[in-house]
Amino acid sequence: MAGPTALHLLLVHLRPAVAPGQRDALVEGLTPLRSLKGVLHIGCVEGKEGVSTHDLGLFVYLRDAAALERFGTHPLLMKYLQQFFLPVVEDFVSMDVAVEGGPAERYGAAFCFCLDFRPDTYDWQVRSALEQLAGNTDNGRLLGASVGVALNQRQPFRAGGLVFAASPNDLSAVRLPPLNANAASRLAAVAGPASPLR
């Protein structure tokens, strides 16, 4: 039986002087990585002002943790980082999450997030908050969710994922646990128009 799918999240702040062409190259530069063994899907979320803490959310679904390990050290990824990523990115948040399944079949918007919790929060409390979030997709406005806990303890956030919708307006239905309540303490997020890289 297969284990959970690995989801690699990258939330990016761009440098102030980045030209639109450089921004496009940052996203489109990921396309060759689709050919790597174990890569299932690559997509991008454009952050809406006032809703997002970062400018872009880049995400990669991989078959499993072994595929994630190969992806993270592959020469094509290193080339992408040097050629497209480092020249335009001011700072970023990166996270690897174990999720069940993949993205919604079709989507036009997404909410990409990394969520941290107080150190005294138990894993079952984290999972409960994520189950509540994933349950929000039952209201009809959201198309699906891929949420989970961090794949290892060395990451700055404990949970993260994606919630998919047909349009950015439908993302108003996303209900995250409030910060400083239910043990959630910090959030990084990108919400807005989204699309798969083809």
Protein backbone atom coordinates (compact mmCIF):
# COMPACT_ATOMS: atom_id res chain seq x y z
CA MET A 1 0.00 0.00 0.00
CA ALA A 2 1.32 3.45 -0.94
CA GLY A 3 2.13 6.00 1.74
CA PRO A 4 1.03 9.62 1.79
CA THR A 5 1.80 12.00 -1.04
CA ALA A 6 4.52 14.56 -0.34
CA LEU A 7 3.61 18.21 -0.91
CA HIS A 8 6.44 20.74 -1.23
CA LEU A 9 5.31 24.33 -0.52
CA LEU A 10 7.30 27.45 -1.30
CA LEU A 11 5.88 30.86 -0.30
CA VAL A 12 7.91 33.67 -1.83
CA HIS A 13 8.49 37.41 -1.24
CA LEU A 14 9.91 38.98 -4.39
CA ARG A 15 12.54 41.73 -4.40
CA PRO A 16 10.95 45.19 -4.90
CA ALA A 17 12.51 45.84 -8.33
CA VAL A 18 11.51 42.52 -9.95
CA ALA A 19 10.22 43.04 -13.49
CA PRO A 20 7.06 41.19 -14.66
CA GLY A 21 9.20 39.10 -17.04
CA GLN A 22 11.41 37.94 -14.17
CA ARG A 23 8.33 37.01 -12.14
CA ASP A 24 7.01 34.99 -15.08
CA ALA A 25 10.40 33.29 -15.51
CA LEU A 26 10.40 32.34 -11.82
CA VAL A 27 7.13 30.46 -12.31
CA GLU A 28 7.73 29.08 -15.81
CA GLY A 29 11.23 27.95 -14.84
CA LEU A 30 9.60 25.19 -12.77
CA THR A 31 8.07 23.56 -15.87
CA PRO A 32 11.08 21.33 -16.74
CA LEU A 33 10.88 19.86 -13.22
CA ARG A 34 7.58 18.18 -14.18
CA SER A 35 9.63 15.54 -16.02
CA LEU A 36 11.44 14.37 -12.88
CA LYS A 37 10.62 10.90 -11.58
CA GLY A 38 7.95 11.05 -8.89
CA VAL A 39 6.67 14.58 -9.68
CA LEU A 40 2.87 14.41 -9.96
CA HIS A 41 1.82 18.07 -10.26
CA ILE A 42 3.30 21.57 -10.11
CA GLY A 43 1.25 24.73 -9.61
CA CYS A 44 1.38 28.39 -8.66
CA VAL A 45 -0.78 30.76 -6.60
CA GLU A 46 -0.62 34.53 -7.20
CA GLY A 47 -1.01 36.37 -3.89
CA LYS A 48 -3.78 38.94 -3.52
CA GLU A 49 -2.84 42.03 -1.53
CA GLY A 50 -4.47 42.29 1.87
CA VAL A 51 -5.02 38.53 2.04
CA SER A 52 -1.53 37.10 1.51
CA THR A 53 1.64 37.34 3.57
CA HIS A 54 3.74 36.49 0.45
CA ASP A 55 3.67 37.31 -3.28
CA LEU A 56 3.63 33.80 -4.75
CA GLY A 57 2.95 30.26 -3.64
CA LEU A 58 4.69 27.53 -5.61
CA PHE A 59 3.74 23.92 -4.94
CA VAL A 60 4.85 20.48 -6.05
CA TYR A 61 3.05 17.19 -5.40
CA LEU A 62 5.40 14.20 -5.32
CA ARG A 63 4.61 10.50 -5.19
CA ASP A 64 6.12 9.98 -1.74
CA ALA A 65 8.88 11.05 0.65
CA ALA A 66 11.53 9.23 -1.42
CA ALA A 67 10.51 11.22 -4.52
CA LEU A 68 10.70 14.41 -2.46
CA GLU A 69 14.24 13.48 -1.39
CA ARG A 70 15.30 12.93 -5.01
CA PHE A 71 13.58 16.15 -6.11
CA GLY A 72 15.30 18.22 -3.41
CA THR A 73 18.78 17.27 -4.58
CA HIS A 74 18.24 17.01 -8.33
CA PRO A 75 20.58 19.07 -10.58
CA LEU A 76 17.57 20.52 -12.47
CA LEU A 77 16.23 21.96 -9.21
CA MET A 78 19.67 23.39 -8.34
CA LYS A 79 19.82 25.03 -11.79
CA TYR A 80 16.32 26.47 -11.30
CA LEU A 81 17.25 27.90 -7.90
CA GLN A 82 20.42 29.55 -9.20
CA GLN A 83 19.02 30.81 -12.49
CA PHE A 84 15.45 31.89 -11.65
CA PHE A 85 14.86 31.80 -7.89
CA LEU A 86 17.80 33.41 -6.09
CA PRO A 87 18.09 36.50 -8.35
CA VAL A 88 14.49 37.63 -7.68
CA VAL A 89 13.50 36.28 -4.24
CA GLU A 90 13.93 38.46 -1.14
CA ASP A 91 12.83 35.79 1.33
CA PHE A 92 10.71 32.65 1.41
CA VAL A 93 9.07 29.99 3.54
CA SER A 94 9.52 26.37 2.51
CA MET A 95 7.70 23.37 3.91
CA ASP A 96 7.22 19.69 3.16
CA VAL A 97 3.90 18.16 4.18
CA ALA A 98 2.47 14.63 4.13
CA VAL A 99 -1.00 14.73 2.49
CA GLU A 100 -3.50 12.21 1.21
CA GLY A 101 -4.20 12.52 -2.51
CA GLY A 102 -3.47 15.35 -4.88
CA PRO A 103 -4.86 18.67 -6.08
CA ALA A 104 -8.39 19.31 -7.27
CA GLU A 105 -8.85 18.13 -10.85
CA ARG A 106 -9.57 21.68 -12.04
CA TYR A 107 -9.02 24.87 -10.09
CA GLY A 108 -8.74 28.59 -10.69
CA ALA A 109 -7.73 29.71 -7.20
CA ALA A 110 -5.97 28.35 -4.15
CA PHE A 111 -5.09 29.16 -0.56
CA CYS A 112 -1.53 27.96 0.14
CA PHE A 113 -0.53 28.08 3.81
CA CYS A 114 1.99 27.13 6.47
CA LEU A 115 0.67 27.14 10.03
CA ASP A 116 2.59 26.92 13.27
CA PHE A 117 1.37 25.99 16.74
CA ARG A 118 2.55 26.65 20.26
CA PRO A 119 5.22 24.15 21.41
CA ASP A 120 2.84 22.65 23.98
CA THR A 121 0.34 21.71 21.27
CA TYR A 122 -0.11 17.98 20.73
CA ASP A 123 -0.08 16.45 17.25
CA TRP A 124 -3.69 15.32 17.67
CA GLN A 125 -4.68 18.98 18.18
CA VAL A 126 -2.81 19.96 15.01
CA ARG A 127 -4.53 17.16 13.07
CA SER A 128 -7.91 18.17 14.48
CA ALA A 129 -7.44 21.75 13.26
CA LEU A 130 -6.44 20.44 9.82
CA GLU A 131 -9.45 18.08 9.67
CA GLN A 132 -11.70 21.04 10.48
CA LEU A 133 -10.10 23.03 7.66
CA ALA A 134 -10.41 20.15 5.19
CA GLY A 135 -14.04 19.72 6.25
CA ASN A 136 -14.76 23.24 4.99
CA THR A 137 -14.63 21.88 1.45
CA ASP A 138 -18.03 20.26 2.04
CA ASN A 139 -19.82 23.60 1.76
CA GLY A 140 -19.72 23.51 -2.05
CA ARG A 141 -17.64 26.66 -2.67
CA LEU A 142 -14.32 24.93 -2.17
CA LEU A 143 -13.16 22.16 -4.50
CA GLY A 144 -10.85 20.25 -2.20
CA ALA A 145 -8.00 20.44 0.25
CA SER A 146 -4.59 18.85 0.68
CA VAL A 147 -3.57 19.45 4.27
CA GLY A 148 -1.16 17.70 6.61
CA VAL A 149 1.58 17.84 9.17
CA ALA A 150 5.25 18.53 8.47
CA LEU A 151 7.24 15.55 7.19
CA ASN A 152 9.95 16.15 9.77
CA GLN A 153 10.56 18.17 12.92
CA ARG A 154 13.29 20.40 11.43
CA GLN A 155 10.79 22.71 9.71
CA PRO A 156 9.75 26.14 11.03
CA PHE A 157 6.02 25.31 10.68
CA ARG A 158 4.14 22.22 11.88
CA ALA A 159 1.34 22.03 9.35
CA GLY A 160 0.40 23.30 5.93
CA GLY A 161 -1.33 22.66 2.68
CA LEU A 162 -3.59 23.93 -0.05
CA VAL A 163 -7.29 24.60 -0.38
CA PHE A 164 -8.61 24.79 -3.95
CA ALA A 165 -11.50 26.82 -5.38
CA ALA A 166 -12.89 27.67 -8.80
CA SER A 167 -12.30 31.42 -8.34
CA PRO A 168 -10.54 33.75 -5.87
CA ASN A 169 -13.91 34.95 -4.52
CA ASP A 170 -14.71 31.41 -3.37
CA LEU A 171 -11.63 31.44 -1.11
CA SER A 172 -13.58 33.55 1.39
CA ALA A 173 -15.08 30.23 2.52
CA VAL A 174 -11.68 29.07 3.89
CA ARG A 175 -11.79 28.96 7.69
CA LEU A 176 -8.40 28.59 9.36
CA PRO A 177 -8.10 28.15 13.11
CA PRO A 178 -7.70 31.60 14.68
CA LEU A 179 -4.18 32.53 15.73
CA ASN A 180 -3.48 32.54 19.50
CA ALA A 181 -6.49 30.29 19.98
CA ASN A 182 -6.69 26.53 19.50
CA ALA A 183 -2.90 26.68 19.91
CA ALA A 184 -2.27 28.13 16.40
CA SER A 185 0.44 30.79 16.69
CA ARG A 186 1.76 31.85 13.26
CA LEU A 187 0.58 31.83 9.65
CA ALA A 188 2.25 32.33 6.27
CA ALA A 189 -0.19 32.30 3.36
CA VAL A 190 -0.74 33.06 -0.31
CA ALA A 191 -4.33 33.27 -1.57
CA GLY A 192 -5.52 34.17 -5.04
CA PRO A 193 -5.66 33.01 -8.64
CA ALA A 194 -3.93 29.67 -9.19
CA SER A 195 -3.10 27.35 -12.03
CA PRO A 196 -1.17 24.18 -12.78
CA LEU A 197 2.06 24.49 -14.76
CA ARG A 198 1.77 22.69 -18.07
